[in-house]
PDB file of N, CA and C in Angstrom:
ATOM      1  N   MET A   1       0.816  -1.204   0.082  1.00  0.00           N
ATOM      2  CA  MET A   1       0.080  -0.053   0.013  1.00  0.00           C
ATOM      3  C   MET A   1       0.781   1.335  -0.125  1.00  0.00           C
ATOM      4  N   ALA A   2       1.966   1.151   0.718  1.00  0.00           N
ATOM      5  CA  ALA A   2       2.807   2.400   0.899  1.00  0.00           C
ATOM      6  C   ALA A   2       3.590   2.636  -0.456  1.00  0.00           C
ATOM      7  N   SER A   3       3.741   1.534  -1.241  1.00  0.00           N
ATOM      8  CA  SER A   3       4.509   1.866  -2.520  1.00  0.00           C
ATOM      9  C   SER A   3       3.516   2.377  -3.484  1.00  0.00           C
ATOM     10  N   HIS A   4       2.337   1.990  -3.383  1.00  0.00           N
ATOM     11  CA  HIS A   4       1.088   2.512  -4.316  1.00  0.00           C
ATOM     12  C   HIS A   4       1.063   4.093  -3.963  1.00  0.00           C
ATOM     13  N   LEU A   5       1.161   4.537  -2.645  1.00  0.00           N
ATOM     14  CA  LEU A   5       0.989   5.896  -2.344  1.00  0.00           C
ATOM     15  C   LEU A   5       2.256   6.698  -2.817  1.00  0.00           C
ATOM     16  N   GLN A   6       3.334   6.166  -2.680  1.00  0.00           N
ATOM     17  CA  GLN A   6       4.674   6.666  -3.351  1.00  0.00           C
ATOM     18  C   GLN A   6       4.672   6.859  -4.810  1.00  0.00           C
ATOM     19  N   ALA A   7       4.109   5.851  -5.506  1.00  0.00           N
ATOM     20  CA  ALA A   7       3.980   5.885  -6.811  1.00  0.00           C
ATOM     21  C   ALA A   7       3.008   6.894  -7.292  1.00  0.00           C
ATOM     22  N   LEU A   8       1.936   7.146  -6.552  1.00  0.00           N
ATOM     23  CA  LEU A   8       0.903   8.144  -6.911  1.00  0.00           C
ATOM     24  C   LEU A   8       1.405   9.610  -6.680  1.00  0.00           C
ATOM     25  N   ALA A   9       2.227   9.657  -5.406  1.00  0.00           N
ATOM     26  CA  ALA A   9       2.743  10.903  -5.260  1.00  0.00           C
ATOM     27  C   ALA A   9       3.833  11.343  -6.154  1.00  0.00           C
ATOM     28  N   GLU A  10       4.631  10.429  -6.658  1.00  0.00           N
ATOM     29  CA  GLU A  10       5.548  10.767  -7.751  1.00  0.00           C
ATOM     30  C   GLU A  10       5.008  11.105  -9.075  1.00  0.00           C
ATOM     31  N   GLU A  11       3.803  10.363  -9.477  1.00  0.00           N
ATOM     32  CA  GLU A  11       2.995  10.771 -10.528  1.00  0.00           C
ATOM     33  C   GLU A  11       2.434  12.065 -10.455  1.00  0.00           C
ATOM     34  N   LEU A  12       1.867  12.447  -9.313  1.00  0.00           N
ATOM     35  CA  LEU A  12       1.373  13.913  -8.940  1.00  0.00           C
ATOM     36  C   LEU A  12       2.444  14.820  -9.075  1.00  0.00           C
ATOM     37  N   ARG A  13       3.697  14.526  -8.565  1.00  0.00           N
ATOM     38  CA  ARG A  13       4.727  15.668  -8.795  1.00  0.00           C
ATOM     39  C   ARG A  13       4.978  15.695 -10.267  1.00  0.00           C
ATOM     40  N   THR A  14       5.134  14.570 -11.132  1.00  0.00           N
ATOM     41  CA  THR A  14       5.430  14.671 -12.421  1.00  0.00           C
ATOM     42  C   THR A  14       4.399  15.583 -13.144  1.00  0.00           C
ATOM     43  N   LEU A  15       3.193  15.338 -12.842  1.00  0.00           N
ATOM     44  CA  LEU A  15       1.969  15.942 -13.420  1.00  0.00           C
ATOM     45  C   LEU A  15       2.073  17.571 -13.097  1.00  0.00           C
ATOM     46  N   SER A  16       2.343  17.830 -11.902  1.00  0.00           N
ATOM     47  CA  SER A  16       2.532  19.179 -11.304  1.00  0.00           C
ATOM     48  C   SER A  16       3.551  19.967 -12.227  1.00  0.00           C
ATOM     49  N   ARG A  17       4.716  19.363 -12.359  1.00  0.00           N
ATOM     50  CA  ARG A  17       5.814  19.873 -13.065  1.00  0.00           C
ATOM     51  C   ARG A  17       5.417  20.307 -14.664  1.00  0.00           C
ATOM     52  N   GLN A  18       4.717  19.156 -15.237  1.00  0.00           N
ATOM     53  CA  GLN A  18       4.370  19.202 -16.592  1.00  0.00           C
ATOM     54  C   GLN A  18       3.309  20.579 -16.635  1.00  0.00           C
ATOM     55  N   ALA A  19       2.452  20.641 -15.672  1.00  0.00           N
ATOM     56  CA  ALA A  19       1.307  21.665 -15.627  1.00  0.00           C
ATOM     57  C   ALA A  19       2.043  23.107 -15.474  1.00  0.00           C
ATOM     58  N   GLY A  20       3.153  22.953 -14.669  1.00  0.00           N
ATOM     59  CA  GLY A  20       3.849  24.263 -14.493  1.00  0.00           C
ATOM     60  C   GLY A  20       4.590  24.719 -15.842  1.00  0.00           C
ATOM     61  N   ARG A  21       5.080  23.806 -16.558  1.00  0.00           N
ATOM     62  CA  ARG A  21       5.727  24.198 -17.889  1.00  0.00           C
ATOM     63  C   ARG A  21       4.769  24.611 -18.769  1.00  0.00           C
ATOM     64  N   GLU A  22       3.550  23.954 -18.821  1.00  0.00           N
ATOM     65  CA  GLU A  22       2.540  24.255 -19.797  1.00  0.00           C
ATOM     66  C   GLU A  22       2.018  25.713 -19.446  1.00  0.00           C
ATOM     67  N   LEU A  23       1.935  26.019 -18.153  1.00  0.00           N
ATOM     68  CA  LEU A  23       1.445  27.385 -17.766  1.00  0.00           C
ATOM     69  C   LEU A  23       2.570  28.417 -18.204  1.00  0.00           C
ATOM     70  N   ASP A  24       3.864  28.059 -18.069  1.00  0.00           N
ATOM     71  CA  ASP A  24       4.886  29.010 -18.524  1.00  0.00           C
ATOM     72  C   ASP A  24       4.638  29.158 -19.957  1.00  0.00           C
ATOM     73  N   ARG A  25       4.419  28.240 -20.688  1.00  0.00           N
ATOM     74  CA  ARG A  25       4.232  28.379 -22.156  1.00  0.00           C
ATOM     75  C   ARG A  25       2.998  29.236 -22.546  1.00  0.00           C
ATOM     76  N   VAL A  26       1.973  29.052 -21.856  1.00  0.00           N
ATOM     77  CA  VAL A  26       0.653  29.718 -22.018  1.00  0.00           C
ATOM     78  C   VAL A  26       0.999  31.246 -21.719  1.00  0.00           C
ATOM     79  N   GLY A  27       1.728  31.567 -20.646  1.00  0.00           N
ATOM     80  CA  GLY A  27       2.184  32.863 -20.213  1.00  0.00           C
ATOM     81  C   GLY A  27       3.059  33.640 -21.433  1.00  0.00           C
ATOM     82  N   ALA A  28       3.954  32.792 -21.994  1.00  0.00           N
ATOM     83  CA  ALA A  28       4.827  33.350 -22.989  1.00  0.00           C
ATOM     84  C   ALA A  28       3.932  33.689 -24.279  1.00  0.00           C
ATOM     85  N   VAL A  29       3.011  32.847 -24.560  1.00  0.00           N
ATOM     86  CA  VAL A  29       2.139  33.043 -25.602  1.00  0.00           C
ATOM     87  C   VAL A  29       1.277  34.335 -25.385  1.00  0.00           C
ATOM     88  N   ALA A  30       0.704  34.345 -24.239  1.00  0.00           N
ATOM     89  CA  ALA A  30      -0.107  35.692 -23.787  1.00  0.00           C
ATOM     90  C   ALA A  30       0.722  36.779 -23.935  1.00  0.00           C
ATOM     91  N   GLY A  31       1.871  36.866 -23.619  1.00  0.00           N
ATOM     92  CA  GLY A  31       2.879  37.860 -23.631  1.00  0.00           C
ATOM     93  C   GLY A  31       3.070  38.398 -25.005  1.00  0.00           C
ATOM     94  N   ARG A  32       3.207  37.431 -26.055  1.00  0.00           N
ATOM     95  CA  ARG A  32       3.500  37.727 -27.465  1.00  0.00           C
ATOM     96  C   ARG A  32       2.076  38.293 -27.887  1.00  0.00           C
ATOM     97  N   VAL A  33       1.069  37.715 -27.606  1.00  0.00           N
ATOM     98  CA  VAL A  33      -0.236  38.095 -28.097  1.00  0.00           C
ATOM     99  C   VAL A  33      -0.449  39.731 -27.575  1.00  0.00           C
ATOM    100  N   ASP A  34      -0.027  39.976 -26.355  1.00  0.00           N
ATOM    101  CA  ASP A  34      -0.278  41.360 -25.829  1.00  0.00           C
ATOM    102  C   ASP A  34       0.690  42.260 -26.695  1.00  0.00           C
ATOM    103  N   ASP A  35       1.847  41.929 -26.922  1.00  0.00           N
ATOM    104  CA  ASP A  35       2.862  42.765 -27.716  1.00  0.00           C
ATOM    105  C   ASP A  35       2.183  43.013 -29.060  1.00  0.00           C
ATOM    106  N   LEU A  36       1.741  41.971 -29.660  1.00  0.00           N
ATOM    107  CA  LEU A  36       1.286  42.013 -31.055  1.00  0.00           C
ATOM    108  C   LEU A  36      -0.052  42.930 -31.163  1.00  0.00           C
ATOM    109  N   SER A  37      -0.864  42.928 -30.089  1.00  0.00           N
ATOM    110  CA  SER A  37      -2.089  43.828 -30.013  1.00  0.00           C
ATOM    111  C   SER A  37      -1.623  45.223 -29.941  1.00  0.00           C
ATOM    112  N   GLN A  38      -0.663  45.446 -29.060  1.00  0.00           N
ATOM    113  CA  GLN A  38      -0.099  46.748 -28.861  1.00  0.00           C
ATOM    114  C   GLN A  38       0.343  47.182 -30.185  1.00  0.00           C
ATOM    115  N   ARG A  39       1.141  46.599 -30.793  1.00  0.00           N
ATOM    116  CA  ARG A  39       1.666  46.998 -32.292  1.00  0.00           C
ATOM    117  C   ARG A  39       0.450  47.232 -33.295  1.00  0.00           C
ATOM    118  N   ILE A  40      -0.511  46.470 -33.309  1.00  0.00           N
ATOM    119  CA  ILE A  40      -1.612  46.629 -34.137  1.00  0.00           C
ATOM    120  C   ILE A  40      -2.334  47.790 -33.717  1.00  0.00           C
ATOM    121  N   GLY A  41      -2.491  48.273 -32.491  1.00  0.00           N
ATOM    122  CA  GLY A  41      -3.198  49.263 -32.074  1.00  0.00           C
ATOM    123  C   GLY A  41      -2.401  50.631 -32.272  1.00  0.00           C
ATOM    124  N   LYS A  42      -1.034  50.601 -32.465  1.00  0.00           N
ATOM    125  CA  LYS A  42      -0.367  51.662 -32.899  1.00  0.00           C
ATOM    126  C   LYS A  42      -0.518  51.889 -34.306  1.00  0.00           C
ATOM    127  N   LEU A  43      -0.396  50.712 -35.079  1.00  0.00           N
ATOM    128  CA  LEU A  43      -0.641  50.836 -36.523  1.00  0.00           C
ATOM    129  C   LEU A  43      -1.923  51.458 -36.960  1.00  0.00           C
ATOM    130  N   VAL A  44      -2.932  51.031 -36.264  1.00  0.00           N
ATOM    131  CA  VAL A  44      -4.386  51.523 -36.616  1.00  0.00           C
ATOM    132  C   VAL A  44      -4.530  52.927 -36.181  1.00  0.00           C
ATOM    133  N   GLY A  45      -3.879  53.390 -34.984  1.00  0.00           N
ATOM    134  CA  GLY A  45      -3.783  54.804 -34.623  1.00  0.00           C
ATOM    135  C   GLY A  45      -3.177  55.620 -35.918  1.00  0.00           C
ATOM    136  N   PHE A  46      -1.935  55.006 -36.296  1.00  0.00           N
ATOM    137  CA  PHE A  46      -1.233  55.824 -37.335  1.00  0.00           C
ATOM    138  C   PHE A  46      -1.993  55.829 -38.554  1.00  0.00           C
ATOM    139  N   VAL A  47      -2.490  54.885 -39.034  1.00  0.00           N
ATOM    140  CA  VAL A  47      -3.410  54.782 -40.294  1.00  0.00           C
ATOM    141  C   VAL A  47      -4.608  55.820 -39.992  1.00  0.00           C
ATOM    142  N   GLY A  48      -5.168  55.771 -38.969  1.00  0.00           N
ATOM    143  CA  GLY A  48      -6.324  56.690 -38.634  1.00  0.00           C
ATOM    144  C   GLY A  48      -5.874  58.158 -38.711  1.00  0.00           C
ATOM    145  N   GLY A  49      -4.707  58.377 -38.120  1.00  0.00           N
ATOM    146  CA  GLY A  49      -4.082  59.730 -38.350  1.00  0.00           C
ATOM    147  C   GLY A  49      -4.099  60.252 -39.742  1.00  0.00           C
ATOM    148  N   ILE A  50      -3.335  59.312 -40.483  1.00  0.00           N
ATOM    149  CA  ILE A  50      -3.023  59.468 -42.047  1.00  0.00           C
ATOM    150  C   ILE A  50      -4.558  59.841 -42.659  1.00  0.00           C
ATOM    151  N   THR A  51      -5.550  59.076 -42.469  1.00  0.00           N
ATOM    152  CA  THR A  51      -6.739  59.221 -42.903  1.00  0.00           C
ATOM    153  C   THR A  51      -7.405  60.426 -42.664  1.00  0.00           C
ATOM    154  N   ARG A  52      -7.348  60.842 -41.393  1.00  0.00           N
ATOM    155  CA  ARG A  52      -7.841  62.315 -40.943  1.00  0.00           C
ATOM    156  C   ARG A  52      -6.950  63.423 -41.692  1.00  0.00           C
ATOM    157  N   VAL A  53      -5.656  63.280 -41.793  1.00  0.00           N
ATOM    158  CA  VAL A  53      -4.922  64.232 -42.260  1.00  0.00           C
ATOM    159  C   VAL A  53      -5.345  64.348 -43.952  1.00  0.00           C
ATOM    160  N   GLY A  54      -5.525  63.249 -44.500  1.00  0.00           N
ATOM    161  CA  GLY A  54      -6.132  63.186 -45.835  1.00  0.00           C
ATOM    162  C   GLY A  54      -7.446  63.806 -46.087  1.00  0.00           C
ATOM    163  N   GLN A  55      -8.254  63.665 -45.179  1.00  0.00           N
ATOM    164  CA  GLN A  55      -9.502  64.254 -45.214  1.00  0.00           C
ATOM    165  C   GLN A  55      -9.353  65.821 -45.151  1.00  0.00           C
ATOM    166  N   PHE A  56      -8.487  66.315 -44.213  1.00  0.00           N
ATOM    167  CA  PHE A  56      -8.365  67.696 -44.147  1.00  0.00           C
ATOM    168  C   PHE A  56      -7.699  68.168 -45.382  1.00  0.00           C
ATOM    169  N   VAL A  57      -6.786  67.507 -45.996  1.00  0.00           N
ATOM    170  CA  VAL A  57      -6.097  67.920 -47.197  1.00  0.00           C
ATOM    171  C   VAL A  57      -7.213  68.121 -48.374  1.00  0.00           C
ATOM    172  N   GLY A  58      -7.977  66.988 -48.407  1.00  0.00           N
ATOM    173  CA  GLY A  58      -9.101  66.995 -49.381  1.00  0.00           C
ATOM    174  C   GLY A  58     -10.106  68.159 -49.172  1.00  0.00           C
ATOM    175  N   ALA A  59     -10.496  68.362 -47.927  1.00  0.00           N
ATOM    176  CA  ALA A  59     -11.458  69.476 -47.630  1.00  0.00           C
ATOM    177  C   ALA A  59     -10.796  70.799 -47.943  1.00  0.00           C
ATOM    178  N   ALA A  60      -9.464  70.981 -47.686  1.00  0.00           N
ATOM    179  CA  ALA A  60      -8.784  72.290 -47.899  1.00  0.00           C
ATOM    180  C   ALA A  60      -8.787  72.466 -49.375  1.00  0.00           C
ATOM    181  N   SER A  61      -8.411  71.377 -50.225  1.00  0.00           N
ATOM    182  CA  SER A  61      -8.322  71.509 -51.582  1.00  0.00           C
ATOM    183  C   SER A  61      -9.578  71.943 -52.191  1.00  0.00           C
ATOM    184  N   GLY A  62     -10.682  71.392 -51.554  1.00  0.00           N
ATOM    185  CA  GLY A  62     -12.097  71.574 -52.326  1.00  0.00           C
ATOM    186  C   GLY A  62     -12.382  73.035 -51.956  1.00  0.00           C
ATOM    187  N   VAL A  63     -12.138  73.603 -50.708  1.00  0.00           N
ATOM    188  CA  VAL A  63     -12.146  75.029 -50.279  1.00  0.00           C
ATOM    189  C   VAL A  63     -11.488  75.957 -51.313  1.00  0.00           C
ATOM    190  N   LYS A  64     -10.263  75.608 -51.407  1.00  0.00           N
ATOM    191  CA  LYS A  64      -9.337  76.519 -52.301  1.00  0.00           C
ATOM    192  C   LYS A  64      -9.992  76.571 -53.790  1.00  0.00           C
ATOM    193  N   LYS A  65     -10.390  75.452 -54.283  1.00  0.00           N
ATOM    194  CA  LYS A  65     -11.084  75.384 -55.658  1.00  0.00           C
ATOM    195  C   LYS A  65     -12.292  76.251 -55.601  1.00  0.00           C
ATOM    196  N   GLY A  66     -13.070  76.150 -54.710  1.00  0.00           N
ATOM    197  CA  GLY A  66     -14.255  76.857 -54.579  1.00  0.00           C
ATOM    198  C   GLY A  66     -13.997  78.379 -54.634  1.00  0.00           C
ATOM    199  N   LEU A  67     -13.056  78.937 -53.778  1.00  0.00           N
ATOM    200  CA  LEU A  67     -12.591  79.950 -53.721  1.00  0.00           C
ATOM    201  C   LEU A  67     -12.011  80.592 -55.108  1.00  0.00           C
ATOM    202  N   ASP A  68     -11.182  79.872 -55.783  1.00  0.00           N
ATOM    203  CA  ASP A  68     -10.630  80.106 -56.981  1.00  0.00           C
ATOM    204  C   ASP A  68     -11.873  80.432 -57.858  1.00  0.00           C
ATOM    205  N   VAL A  69     -12.768  79.513 -57.977  1.00  0.00           N
ATOM    206  CA  VAL A  69     -13.964  79.798 -58.944  1.00  0.00           C
ATOM    207  C   VAL A  69     -14.780  80.975 -58.581  1.00  0.00           C
ATOM    208  N   PHE A  70     -14.919  81.247 -57.250  1.00  0.00           N
ATOM    209  CA  PHE A  70     -15.614  82.368 -56.892  1.00  0.00           C
ATOM    210  C   PHE A  70     -14.895  83.715 -57.371  1.00  0.00           C
ATOM    211  N   VAL A  71     -13.721  83.720 -56.981  1.00  0.00           N
ATOM    212  CA  VAL A  71     -12.828  84.984 -57.332  1.00  0.00           C
ATOM    213  C   VAL A  71     -12.907  85.123 -58.878  1.00  0.00           C
ATOM    214  N   ALA A  72     -12.628  83.980 -59.562  1.00  0.00           N
ATOM    215  CA  ALA A  72     -12.671  84.079 -61.014  1.00  0.00           C
ATOM    216  C   ALA A  72     -13.770  84.818 -61.551  1.00  0.00           C
ATOM    217  N   LYS A  73     -15.086  84.263 -61.005  1.00  0.00           N
ATOM    218  CA  LYS A  73     -16.433  84.846 -61.361  1.00  0.00           C
ATOM    219  C   LYS A  73     -16.567  86.186 -61.083  1.00  0.00           C
ATOM    220  N   LEU A  74     -16.051  86.475 -59.851  1.00  0.00           N
ATOM    221  CA  LEU A  74     -16.187  87.980 -59.376  1.00  0.00           C
ATOM    222  C   LEU A  74     -15.416  88.834 -60.204  1.00  0.00           C
ATOM    223  N   LEU A  75     -14.119  88.440 -60.607  1.00  0.00           N
ATOM    224  CA  LEU A  75     -13.291  89.181 -61.490  1.00  0.00           C
ATOM    225  C   LEU A  75     -13.771  89.420 -62.841  1.00  0.00           C
ATOM    226  N   SER A  76     -14.560  88.255 -63.349  1.00  0.00           N
ATOM    227  CA  SER A  76     -14.960  88.473 -64.730  1.00  0.00           C
ATOM    228  C   SER A  76     -16.299  89.287 -64.659  1.00  0.00           C
ATOM    229  N   ARG A  77     -17.052  89.242 -63.634  1.00  0.00           N
ATOM    230  CA  ARG A  77     -18.237  90.109 -63.500  1.00  0.00           C
ATOM    231  C   ARG A  77     -17.913  91.541 -63.516  1.00  0.00           C
ATOM    232  N   ASN A  78     -16.703  91.828 -62.764  1.00  0.00           N
ATOM    233  CA  ASN A  78     -16.306  93.198 -62.461  1.00  0.00           C
ATOM    234  C   ASN A  78     -15.640  93.802 -63.780  1.00  0.00           C
ATOM    235  N   ARG A  79     -15.140  92.913 -64.616  1.00  0.00           N
ATOM    236  CA  ARG A  79     -14.489  93.364 -65.963  1.00  0.00           C
ATOM    237  C   ARG A  79     -15.754  93.808 -67.039  1.00  0.00           C
ATOM    238  N   GLY A  80     -16.641  93.213 -66.822  1.00  0.00           N
ATOM    239  CA  GLY A  80     -17.821  93.416 -67.806  1.00  0.00           C
ATOM    240  C   GLY A  80     -18.580  94.630 -67.411  1.00  0.00           C
ATOM    241  N   ARG A  81     -18.146  95.339 -66.355  1.00  0.00           N
ATOM    242  CA  ARG A  81     -18.773  96.652 -65.913  1.00  0.00           C
ATOM    243  C   ARG A  81     -18.202  97.772 -66.574  1.00  0.00           C
TER     244      ARG A  81
END
């Protein structure tokens, strides 16, 4: 009976060590996933910033074109007088 208990205790120690190694692996993978998600977050923020800048540039270009047309029509109207 004592040898059975010793065998079970040794098996339990072996399983505990294996579980500890597996938890270490899971922790390493979780660390990598966290690092990757932070990098993706930075990239998304960067792309979002570029998109906003592009929108502002497009709006400014549209306003400039509108002003150019307005001034051209105003000048042509004043030349006719």
